[in-house]
Amino acid sequence: MGIFKTRKNKKFNYAPRYWDDKGEGSPYQMEHKFDKFRSTVGKSGNLKNRFSTAWDELRHHSDKKVNVRVLGIFLILLLIFLYLIDFDLSIFFTRI
């Protein structure tokens, strides 16, 4: 089905006339911004393979500080949301 597939960009093999390679590759080659850092970017395949590689990367190469920060932001936003819908927040706090 052509509806769910994304269109691939065309690739051209342009080589400047007076440019010496010296093993650096083409200066006009465009690569993805995160290719150096992520293993899941730019790979084609079905959804299951992409999800499994993303899950493996999350489990083995995750940054603990970022995970704690995201969890803290999520909890703060959740408490703000519960306050806005007038949820009884007193169940979270004990009074002695």
PDB file of N, CA and C in Angstrom:
ATOM      1  N   MET A   1       0.839  -1.178   0.000  1.00  0.00           N
ATOM      2  CA  MET A   1       0.000   0.000   0.000  1.00  0.00           C
ATOM      3  C   MET A   1       0.878   1.233   0.000  1.00  0.00           C
ATOM      4  N   GLY A   2       0.628   2.110  -0.911  1.00  0.00           N
ATOM      5  CA  GLY A   2       1.406   3.325  -1.026  1.00  0.00           C
ATOM      6  C   GLY A   2       0.987   4.414  -0.053  1.00  0.00           C
ATOM      7  N   ILE A   3      -0.096   4.219   0.648  1.00  0.00           N
ATOM      8  CA  ILE A   3      -0.592   5.261   1.545  1.00  0.00           C
ATOM      9  C   ILE A   3       0.310   5.389   2.772  1.00  0.00           C
ATOM     10  N   PHE A   4       0.762   4.292   3.326  1.00  0.00           N
ATOM     11  CA  PHE A   4       1.484   4.309   4.590  1.00  0.00           C
ATOM     12  C   PHE A   4       2.995   4.414   4.439  1.00  0.00           C
ATOM     13  N   LYS A   5       3.511   4.311   3.241  1.00  0.00           N
ATOM     14  CA  LYS A   5       4.955   4.381   3.040  1.00  0.00           C
ATOM     15  C   LYS A   5       5.373   5.830   2.823  1.00  0.00           C
ATOM     16  N   THR A   6       6.467   6.218   3.433  1.00  0.00           N
ATOM     17  CA  THR A   6       6.974   7.558   3.219  1.00  0.00           C
ATOM     18  C   THR A   6       7.834   7.586   1.970  1.00  0.00           C
ATOM     19  N   ARG A   7       7.861   8.724   1.357  1.00  0.00           N
ATOM     20  CA  ARG A   7       8.606   8.869   0.120  1.00  0.00           C
ATOM     21  C   ARG A   7      10.087   9.060   0.430  1.00  0.00           C
ATOM     22  N   LYS A   8      10.945   8.349  -0.278  1.00  0.00           N
ATOM     23  CA  LYS A   8      12.386   8.442  -0.064  1.00  0.00           C
ATOM     24  C   LYS A   8      12.952   9.573  -0.907  1.00  0.00           C
ATOM     25  N   ASN A   9      13.937  10.270  -0.362  1.00  0.00           N
ATOM     26  CA  ASN A   9      14.593  11.340  -1.102  1.00  0.00           C
ATOM     27  C   ASN A   9      15.498  10.751  -2.177  1.00  0.00           C
ATOM     28  N   LYS A  10      15.655  11.498  -3.255  1.00  0.00           N
ATOM     29  CA  LYS A  10      16.547  11.069  -4.321  1.00  0.00           C
ATOM     30  C   LYS A  10      17.980  11.311  -3.904  1.00  0.00           C
ATOM     31  N   LYS A  11      18.864  10.423  -4.284  1.00  0.00           N
ATOM     32  CA  LYS A  11      20.281  10.568  -3.976  1.00  0.00           C
ATOM     33  C   LYS A  11      21.048  10.748  -5.284  1.00  0.00           C
ATOM     34  N   PHE A  12      21.928  11.728  -5.287  1.00  0.00           N
ATOM     35  CA  PHE A  12      22.736  12.001  -6.457  1.00  0.00           C
ATOM     36  C   PHE A  12      24.201  11.796  -6.088  1.00  0.00           C
ATOM     37  N   ASN A  13      24.972  11.282  -6.994  1.00  0.00           N
ATOM     38  CA  ASN A  13      26.398  11.061  -6.775  1.00  0.00           C
ATOM     39  C   ASN A  13      27.187  12.179  -7.437  1.00  0.00           C
ATOM     40  N   TYR A  14      27.103  13.356  -6.866  1.00  0.00           N
ATOM     41  CA  TYR A  14      27.822  14.503  -7.402  1.00  0.00           C
ATOM     42  C   TYR A  14      29.244  14.493  -6.876  1.00  0.00           C
ATOM     43  N   ALA A  15      30.205  14.585  -7.760  1.00  0.00           N
ATOM     44  CA  ALA A  15      31.617  14.671  -7.366  1.00  0.00           C
ATOM     45  C   ALA A  15      32.201  15.931  -7.995  1.00  0.00           C
ATOM     46  N   PRO A  16      32.695  16.857  -7.181  1.00  0.00           N
ATOM     47  CA  PRO A  16      33.289  18.070  -7.744  1.00  0.00           C
ATOM     48  C   PRO A  16      34.500  17.733  -8.604  1.00  0.00           C
ATOM     49  N   ARG A  17      34.753  18.545  -9.609  1.00  0.00           N
ATOM     50  CA  ARG A  17      35.797  18.265 -10.578  1.00  0.00           C
ATOM     51  C   ARG A  17      37.196  18.385  -9.973  1.00  0.00           C
ATOM     52  N   TYR A  18      37.465  19.413  -9.222  1.00  0.00           N
ATOM     53  CA  TYR A  18      38.816  19.669  -8.723  1.00  0.00           C
ATOM     54  C   TYR A  18      38.917  19.451  -7.213  1.00  0.00           C
ATOM     55  N   TRP A  19      38.292  18.445  -6.726  1.00  0.00           N
ATOM     56  CA  TRP A  19      38.302  18.191  -5.289  1.00  0.00           C
ATOM     57  C   TRP A  19      39.024  16.888  -5.023  1.00  0.00           C
ATOM     58  N   ASP A  20      39.973  16.929  -4.078  1.00  0.00           N
ATOM     59  CA  ASP A  20      40.743  15.747  -3.728  1.00  0.00           C
ATOM     60  C   ASP A  20      40.085  15.099  -2.512  1.00  0.00           C
ATOM     61  N   ASP A  21      39.807  13.815  -2.606  1.00  0.00           N
ATOM     62  CA  ASP A  21      39.040  13.119  -1.576  1.00  0.00           C
ATOM     63  C   ASP A  21      39.817  12.975  -0.267  1.00  0.00           C
ATOM     64  N   LYS A  22      40.998  12.441  -0.324  1.00  0.00           N
ATOM     65  CA  LYS A  22      41.842  12.170   0.851  1.00  0.00           C
ATOM     66  C   LYS A  22      41.107  11.380   1.935  1.00  0.00           C
ATOM     67  N   GLY A  23      40.196  10.539   1.535  1.00  0.00           N
ATOM     68  CA  GLY A  23      39.517   9.650   2.468  1.00  0.00           C
ATOM     69  C   GLY A  23      38.478  10.305   3.345  1.00  0.00           C
ATOM     70  N   GLU A  24      38.090  11.535   3.056  1.00  0.00           N
ATOM     71  CA  GLU A  24      37.130  12.230   3.907  1.00  0.00           C
ATOM     72  C   GLU A  24      35.694  12.044   3.452  1.00  0.00           C
ATOM     73  N   GLY A  25      35.476  11.594   2.264  1.00  0.00           N
ATOM     74  CA  GLY A  25      34.138  11.488   1.727  1.00  0.00           C
ATOM     75  C   GLY A  25      33.753  12.770   1.021  1.00  0.00           C
ATOM     76  N   SER A  26      32.614  12.769   0.423  1.00  0.00           N
ATOM     77  CA  SER A  26      32.158  13.934  -0.334  1.00  0.00           C
ATOM     78  C   SER A  26      31.721  15.047   0.613  1.00  0.00           C
ATOM     79  N   PRO A  27      32.118  16.294   0.321  1.00  0.00           N
ATOM     80  CA  PRO A  27      31.658  17.384   1.188  1.00  0.00           C
ATOM     81  C   PRO A  27      30.184  17.709   0.989  1.00  0.00           C
ATOM     82  N   TYR A  28      29.611  17.211  -0.095  1.00  0.00           N
ATOM     83  CA  TYR A  28      28.214  17.482  -0.394  1.00  0.00           C
ATOM     84  C   TYR A  28      27.298  16.347   0.041  1.00  0.00           C
ATOM     85  N   GLN A  29      27.840  15.338   0.671  1.00  0.00           N
ATOM     86  CA  GLN A  29      27.021  14.222   1.117  1.00  0.00           C
ATOM     87  C   GLN A  29      26.222  14.650   2.337  1.00  0.00           C
ATOM     88  N   MET A  30      24.935  14.442   2.267  1.00  0.00           N
ATOM     89  CA  MET A  30      24.066  14.830   3.372  1.00  0.00           C
ATOM     90  C   MET A  30      23.745  13.587   4.184  1.00  0.00           C
ATOM     91  N   GLU A  31      23.984  13.668   5.461  1.00  0.00           N
ATOM     92  CA  GLU A  31      23.639  12.555   6.340  1.00  0.00           C
ATOM     93  C   GLU A  31      22.763  13.087   7.450  1.00  0.00           C
ATOM     94  N   HIS A  32      22.116  12.178   8.123  1.00  0.00           N
ATOM     95  CA  HIS A  32      21.207  12.552   9.176  1.00  0.00           C
ATOM     96  C   HIS A  32      21.971  13.149  10.354  1.00  0.00           C
ATOM     97  N   LYS A  33      21.324  14.029  11.056  1.00  0.00           N
ATOM     98  CA  LYS A  33      21.960  14.741  12.158  1.00  0.00           C
ATOM     99  C   LYS A  33      22.415  13.802  13.279  1.00  0.00           C
ATOM    100  N   PHE A  34      21.664  12.744  13.538  1.00  0.00           N
ATOM    101  CA  PHE A  34      21.935  11.876  14.663  1.00  0.00           C
ATOM    102  C   PHE A  34      22.573  10.544  14.275  1.00  0.00           C
ATOM    103  N   ASP A  35      23.063  10.408  13.048  1.00  0.00           N
ATOM    104  CA  ASP A  35      23.654   9.145  12.607  1.00  0.00           C
ATOM    105  C   ASP A  35      24.829   8.714  13.474  1.00  0.00           C
ATOM    106  N   LYS A  36      25.586   9.660  13.983  1.00  0.00           N
ATOM    107  CA  LYS A  36      26.762   9.323  14.779  1.00  0.00           C
ATOM    108  C   LYS A  36      26.382   8.823  16.164  1.00  0.00           C
ATOM    109  N   PHE A  37      25.213   9.200  16.654  1.00  0.00           N
ATOM    110  CA  PHE A  37      24.851   8.942  18.036  1.00  0.00           C
ATOM    111  C   PHE A  37      23.819   7.843  18.211  1.00  0.00           C
ATOM    112  N   ARG A  38      22.974   7.606  17.230  1.00  0.00           N
ATOM    113  CA  ARG A  38      21.891   6.644  17.371  1.00  0.00           C
ATOM    114  C   ARG A  38      22.038   5.504  16.378  1.00  0.00           C
ATOM    115  N   SER A  39      21.627   4.338  16.800  1.00  0.00           N
ATOM    116  CA  SER A  39      21.654   3.203  15.887  1.00  0.00           C
ATOM    117  C   SER A  39      20.319   3.001  15.192  1.00  0.00           C
ATOM    118  N   THR A  40      19.271   3.688  15.638  1.00  0.00           N
ATOM    119  CA  THR A  40      17.942   3.465  15.073  1.00  0.00           C
ATOM    120  C   THR A  40      17.610   4.417  13.945  1.00  0.00           C
ATOM    121  N   VAL A  41      18.379   5.469  13.750  1.00  0.00           N
ATOM    122  CA  VAL A  41      18.048   6.479  12.749  1.00  0.00           C
ATOM    123  C   VAL A  41      18.511   6.017  11.372  1.00  0.00           C
ATOM    124  N   GLY A  42      17.665   6.190  10.403  1.00  0.00           N
ATOM    125  CA  GLY A  42      18.027   5.945   9.021  1.00  0.00           C
ATOM    126  C   GLY A  42      17.941   4.511   8.559  1.00  0.00           C
ATOM    127  N   LYS A  43      17.612   3.590   9.416  1.00  0.00           N
ATOM    128  CA  LYS A  43      17.506   2.203   8.990  1.00  0.00           C
ATOM    129  C   LYS A  43      16.102   1.932   8.479  1.00  0.00           C
ATOM    130  N   SER A  44      16.042   1.223   7.399  1.00  0.00           N
ATOM    131  CA  SER A  44      14.735   0.851   6.882  1.00  0.00           C
ATOM    132  C   SER A  44      14.375  -0.528   7.418  1.00  0.00           C
ATOM    133  N   GLY A  45      13.142  -0.832   7.367  1.00  0.00           N
ATOM    134  CA  GLY A  45      12.671  -2.113   7.856  1.00  0.00           C
ATOM    135  C   GLY A  45      11.247  -1.966   8.352  1.00  0.00           C
ATOM    136  N   ASN A  46      10.740  -3.052   8.844  1.00  0.00           N
ATOM    137  CA  ASN A  46       9.364  -2.985   9.306  1.00  0.00           C
ATOM    138  C   ASN A  46       9.300  -2.389  10.713  1.00  0.00           C
ATOM    139  N   LEU A  47       8.120  -2.179  11.184  1.00  0.00           N
ATOM    140  CA  LEU A  47       7.902  -1.501  12.452  1.00  0.00           C
ATOM    141  C   LEU A  47       8.442  -2.319  13.627  1.00  0.00           C
ATOM    142  N   LYS A  48       8.332  -3.624  13.554  1.00  0.00           N
ATOM    143  CA  LYS A  48       8.797  -4.468  14.653  1.00  0.00           C
ATOM    144  C   LYS A  48      10.316  -4.377  14.809  1.00  0.00           C
ATOM    145  N   ASN A  49      11.060  -4.403  13.707  1.00  0.00           N
ATOM    146  CA  ASN A  49      12.525  -4.299  13.783  1.00  0.00           C
ATOM    147  C   ASN A  49      12.956  -2.946  14.312  1.00  0.00           C
ATOM    148  N   ARG A  50      12.294  -1.884  13.859  1.00  0.00           N
ATOM    149  CA  ARG A  50      12.645  -0.549  14.352  1.00  0.00           C
ATOM    150  C   ARG A  50      12.339  -0.416  15.835  1.00  0.00           C
ATOM    151  N   PHE A  51      11.208  -0.958  16.265  1.00  0.00           N
ATOM    152  CA  PHE A  51      10.850  -0.885  17.682  1.00  0.00           C
ATOM    153  C   PHE A  51      11.810  -1.698  18.534  1.00  0.00           C
ATOM    154  N   SER A  52      12.209  -2.870  18.055  1.00  0.00           N
ATOM    155  CA  SER A  52      13.118  -3.707  18.851  1.00  0.00           C
ATOM    156  C   SER A  52      14.513  -3.082  18.945  1.00  0.00           C
ATOM    157  N   THR A  53      15.000  -2.451  17.870  1.00  0.00           N
ATOM    158  CA  THR A  53      16.307  -1.795  17.965  1.00  0.00           C
ATOM    159  C   THR A  53      16.234  -0.569  18.867  1.00  0.00           C
ATOM    160  N   ALA A  54      15.120   0.166  18.831  1.00  0.00           N
ATOM    161  CA  ALA A  54      14.965   1.315  19.727  1.00  0.00           C
ATOM    162  C   ALA A  54      14.896   0.857  21.177  1.00  0.00           C
ATOM    163  N   TRP A  55      14.210  -0.252  21.432  1.00  0.00           N
ATOM    164  CA  TRP A  55      14.097  -0.771  22.792  1.00  0.00           C
ATOM    165  C   TRP A  55      15.462  -1.247  23.304  1.00  0.00           C
ATOM    166  N   ASP A  56      16.237  -1.921  22.455  1.00  0.00           N
ATOM    167  CA  ASP A  56      17.578  -2.354  22.855  1.00  0.00           C
ATOM    168  C   ASP A  56      18.486  -1.170  23.141  1.00  0.00           C
ATOM    169  N   GLU A  57      18.381  -0.143  22.328  1.00  0.00           N
ATOM    170  CA  GLU A  57      19.196   1.050  22.565  1.00  0.00           C
ATOM    171  C   GLU A  57      18.797   1.733  23.867  1.00  0.00           C
ATOM    172  N   LEU A  58      17.510   1.761  24.148  1.00  0.00           N
ATOM    173  CA  LEU A  58      17.046   2.367  25.393  1.00  0.00           C
ATOM    174  C   LEU A  58      17.555   1.592  26.599  1.00  0.00           C
ATOM    175  N   ARG A  59      17.547   0.266  26.510  1.00  0.00           N
ATOM    176  CA  ARG A  59      17.968  -0.555  27.647  1.00  0.00           C
ATOM    177  C   ARG A  59      19.474  -0.519  27.877  1.00  0.00           C
ATOM    178  N   HIS A  60      20.251  -0.478  26.808  1.00  0.00           N
ATOM    179  CA  HIS A  60      21.696  -0.620  26.960  1.00  0.00           C
ATOM    180  C   HIS A  60      22.461   0.693  26.898  1.00  0.00           C
ATOM    181  N   HIS A  61      21.904   1.731  26.300  1.00  0.00           N
ATOM    182  CA  HIS A  61      22.636   2.980  26.127  1.00  0.00           C
ATOM    183  C   HIS A  61      21.871   4.170  26.667  1.00  0.00           C
ATOM    184  N   SER A  62      21.039   3.958  27.667  1.00  0.00           N
ATOM    185  CA  SER A  62      20.228   5.057  28.166  1.00  0.00           C
ATOM    186  C   SER A  62      21.030   5.935  29.125  1.00  0.00           C
ATOM    187  N   ASP A  63      20.656   7.185  29.199  1.00  0.00           N
ATOM    188  CA  ASP A  63      21.292   8.146  30.078  1.00  0.00           C
ATOM    189  C   ASP A  63      20.417   8.284  31.318  1.00  0.00           C
ATOM    190  N   LYS A  64      20.928   7.906  32.468  1.00  0.00           N
ATOM    191  CA  LYS A  64      20.136   7.864  33.694  1.00  0.00           C
ATOM    192  C   LYS A  64      19.698   9.255  34.136  1.00  0.00           C
ATOM    193  N   LYS A  65      20.547  10.276  33.957  1.00  0.00           N
ATOM    194  CA  LYS A  65      20.185  11.633  34.382  1.00  0.00           C
ATOM    195  C   LYS A  65      18.999  12.157  33.581  1.00  0.00           C
ATOM    196  N   VAL A  66      18.989  11.871  32.296  1.00  0.00           N
ATOM    197  CA  VAL A  66      17.889  12.327  31.451  1.00  0.00           C
ATOM    198  C   VAL A  66      16.606  11.598  31.837  1.00  0.00           C
ATOM    199  N   ASN A  67      16.700  10.310  32.128  1.00  0.00           N
ATOM    200  CA  ASN A  67      15.512   9.558  32.516  1.00  0.00           C
ATOM    201  C   ASN A  67      14.915  10.092  33.808  1.00  0.00           C
ATOM    202  N   VAL A  68      15.753  10.439  34.778  1.00  0.00           N
ATOM    203  CA  VAL A  68      15.263  10.973  36.051  1.00  0.00           C
ATOM    204  C   VAL A  68      14.633  12.342  35.824  1.00  0.00           C
ATOM    205  N   ARG A  69      15.236  13.158  34.977  1.00  0.00           N
ATOM    206  CA  ARG A  69      14.691  14.487  34.693  1.00  0.00           C
ATOM    207  C   ARG A  69      13.335  14.385  34.005  1.00  0.00           C
ATOM    208  N   VAL A  70      13.212  13.490  33.038  1.00  0.00           N
ATOM    209  CA  VAL A  70      11.930  13.315  32.339  1.00  0.00           C
ATOM    210  C   VAL A  70      10.865  12.803  33.306  1.00  0.00           C
ATOM    211  N   LEU A  71      11.225  11.892  34.187  1.00  0.00           N
ATOM    212  CA  LEU A  71      10.278  11.386  35.175  1.00  0.00           C
ATOM    213  C   LEU A  71       9.830  12.496  36.119  1.00  0.00           C
ATOM    214  N   GLY A  72      10.748  13.348  36.550  1.00  0.00           N
ATOM    215  CA  GLY A  72      10.389  14.465  37.422  1.00  0.00           C
ATOM    216  C   GLY A  72       9.455  15.447  36.739  1.00  0.00           C
ATOM    217  N   ILE A  73       9.730  15.772  35.488  1.00  0.00           N
ATOM    218  CA  ILE A  73       8.864  16.678  34.736  1.00  0.00           C
ATOM    219  C   ILE A  73       7.481  16.070  34.558  1.00  0.00           C
ATOM    220  N   PHE A  74       7.448  14.767  34.279  1.00  0.00           N
ATOM    221  CA  PHE A  74       6.165  14.088  34.116  1.00  0.00           C
ATOM    222  C   PHE A  74       5.352  14.131  35.408  1.00  0.00           C
ATOM    223  N   LEU A  75       5.989  13.896  36.547  1.00  0.00           N
ATOM    224  CA  LEU A  75       5.266  13.914  37.822  1.00  0.00           C
ATOM    225  C   LEU A  75       4.750  15.312  38.153  1.00  0.00           C
ATOM    226  N   ILE A  76       5.543  16.343  37.876  1.00  0.00           N
ATOM    227  CA  ILE A  76       5.095  17.710  38.129  1.00  0.00           C
ATOM    228  C   ILE A  76       3.887  18.054  37.258  1.00  0.00           C
ATOM    229  N   LEU A  77       3.964  17.693  35.975  1.00  0.00           N
ATOM    230  CA  LEU A  77       2.834  17.956  35.080  1.00  0.00           C
ATOM    231  C   LEU A  77       1.594  17.165  35.475  1.00  0.00           C
ATOM    232  N   LEU A  78       1.790  15.957  35.965  1.00  0.00           N
ATOM    233  CA  LEU A  78       0.665  15.147  36.423  1.00  0.00           C
ATOM    234  C   LEU A  78      -0.002  15.779  37.638  1.00  0.00           C
ATOM    235  N   LEU A  79       0.787  16.266  38.587  1.00  0.00           N
ATOM    236  CA  LEU A  79       0.200  16.922  39.757  1.00  0.00           C
ATOM    237  C   LEU A  79      -0.524  18.209  39.378  1.00  0.00           C
ATOM    238  N   ILE A  80       0.011  18.962  38.432  1.00  0.00           N
ATOM    239  CA  ILE A  80      -0.680  20.171  37.964  1.00  0.00           C
ATOM    240  C   ILE A  80      -2.000  19.814  37.294  1.00  0.00           C
ATOM    241  N   PHE A  81      -1.987  18.760  36.491  1.00  0.00           N
ATOM    242  CA  PHE A  81      -3.217  18.314  35.839  1.00  0.00           C
ATOM    243  C   PHE A  81      -4.252  17.862  36.867  1.00  0.00           C
ATOM    244  N   LEU A  82      -3.831  17.109  37.868  1.00  0.00           N
ATOM    245  CA  LEU A  82      -4.771  16.658  38.898  1.00  0.00           C
ATOM    246  C   LEU A  82      -5.327  17.829  39.690  1.00  0.00           C
ATOM    247  N   TYR A  83      -4.517  18.853  39.912  1.00  0.00           N
ATOM    248  CA  TYR A  83      -4.993  20.043  40.612  1.00  0.00           C
ATOM    249  C   TYR A  83      -6.022  20.796  39.766  1.00  0.00           C
ATOM    250  N   LEU A  84      -5.771  20.866  38.459  1.00  0.00           N
ATOM    251  CA  LEU A  84      -6.686  21.592  37.579  1.00  0.00           C
ATOM    252  C   LEU A  84      -8.046  20.914  37.461  1.00  0.00           C
ATOM    253  N   ILE A  85      -8.102  19.608  37.547  1.00  0.00           N
ATOM    254  CA  ILE A  85      -9.393  18.921  37.450  1.00  0.00           C
ATOM    255  C   ILE A  85     -10.016  18.719  38.829  1.00  0.00           C
ATOM    256  N   ASP A  86      -9.474  19.397  39.831  1.00  0.00           N
ATOM    257  CA  ASP A  86      -9.989  19.370  41.208  1.00  0.00           C
ATOM    258  C   ASP A  86      -9.997  17.970  41.801  1.00  0.00           C
ATOM    259  N   PHE A  87      -8.941  17.246  41.544  1.00  0.00           N
ATOM    260  CA  PHE A  87      -8.768  15.935  42.161  1.00  0.00           C
ATOM    261  C   PHE A  87      -8.337  16.155  43.603  1.00  0.00           C
ATOM    262  N   ASP A  88      -8.771  15.301  44.503  1.00  0.00           N
ATOM    263  CA  ASP A  88      -8.436  15.441  45.916  1.00  0.00           C
ATOM    264  C   ASP A  88      -6.984  15.004  46.124  1.00  0.00           C
ATOM    265  N   LEU A  89      -6.077  15.978  46.215  1.00  0.00           N
ATOM    266  CA  LEU A  89      -4.651  15.693  46.359  1.00  0.00           C
ATOM    267  C   LEU A  89      -4.256  15.332  47.781  1.00  0.00           C
ATOM    268  N   SER A  90      -5.188  15.377  48.707  1.00  0.00           N
ATOM    269  CA  SER A  90      -4.841  15.092  50.099  1.00  0.00           C
ATOM    270  C   SER A  90      -4.514  13.616  50.328  1.00  0.00           C
ATOM    271  N   ILE A  91      -4.853  12.744  49.384  1.00  0.00           N
ATOM    272  CA  ILE A  91      -4.516  11.337  49.561  1.00  0.00           C
ATOM    273  C   ILE A  91      -3.020  11.101  49.407  1.00  0.00           C
ATOM    274  N   PHE A  92      -2.308  12.049  48.770  1.00  0.00           N
ATOM    275  CA  PHE A  92      -0.875  11.903  48.609  1.00  0.00           C
ATOM    276  C   PHE A  92      -0.075  12.405  49.802  1.00  0.00           C
ATOM    277  N   PHE A  93      -0.702  13.218  50.626  1.00  0.00           N
ATOM    278  CA  PHE A  93       0.005  13.818  51.765  1.00  0.00           C
ATOM    279  C   PHE A  93      -0.632  13.325  53.063  1.00  0.00           C
ATOM    280  N   THR A  94       0.231  12.940  54.008  1.00  0.00           N
ATOM    281  CA  THR A  94      -0.281  12.465  55.301  1.00  0.00           C
ATOM    282  C   THR A  94      -0.207  13.593  56.312  1.00  0.00           C
ATOM    283  N   ARG A  95      -1.251  13.686  57.098  1.00  0.00           N
ATOM    284  CA  ARG A  95      -1.292  14.698  58.168  1.00  0.00           C
ATOM    285  C   ARG A  95      -1.155  13.987  59.504  1.00  0.00           C
ATOM    286  N   ILE A  96      -0.245  14.486  60.283  1.00  0.00           N
ATOM    287  CA  ILE A  96      -0.006  13.861  61.587  1.00  0.00           C
ATOM    288  C   ILE A  96      -0.584  14.716  62.692  1.00  0.00           C
TER     289      ILE A  96
END
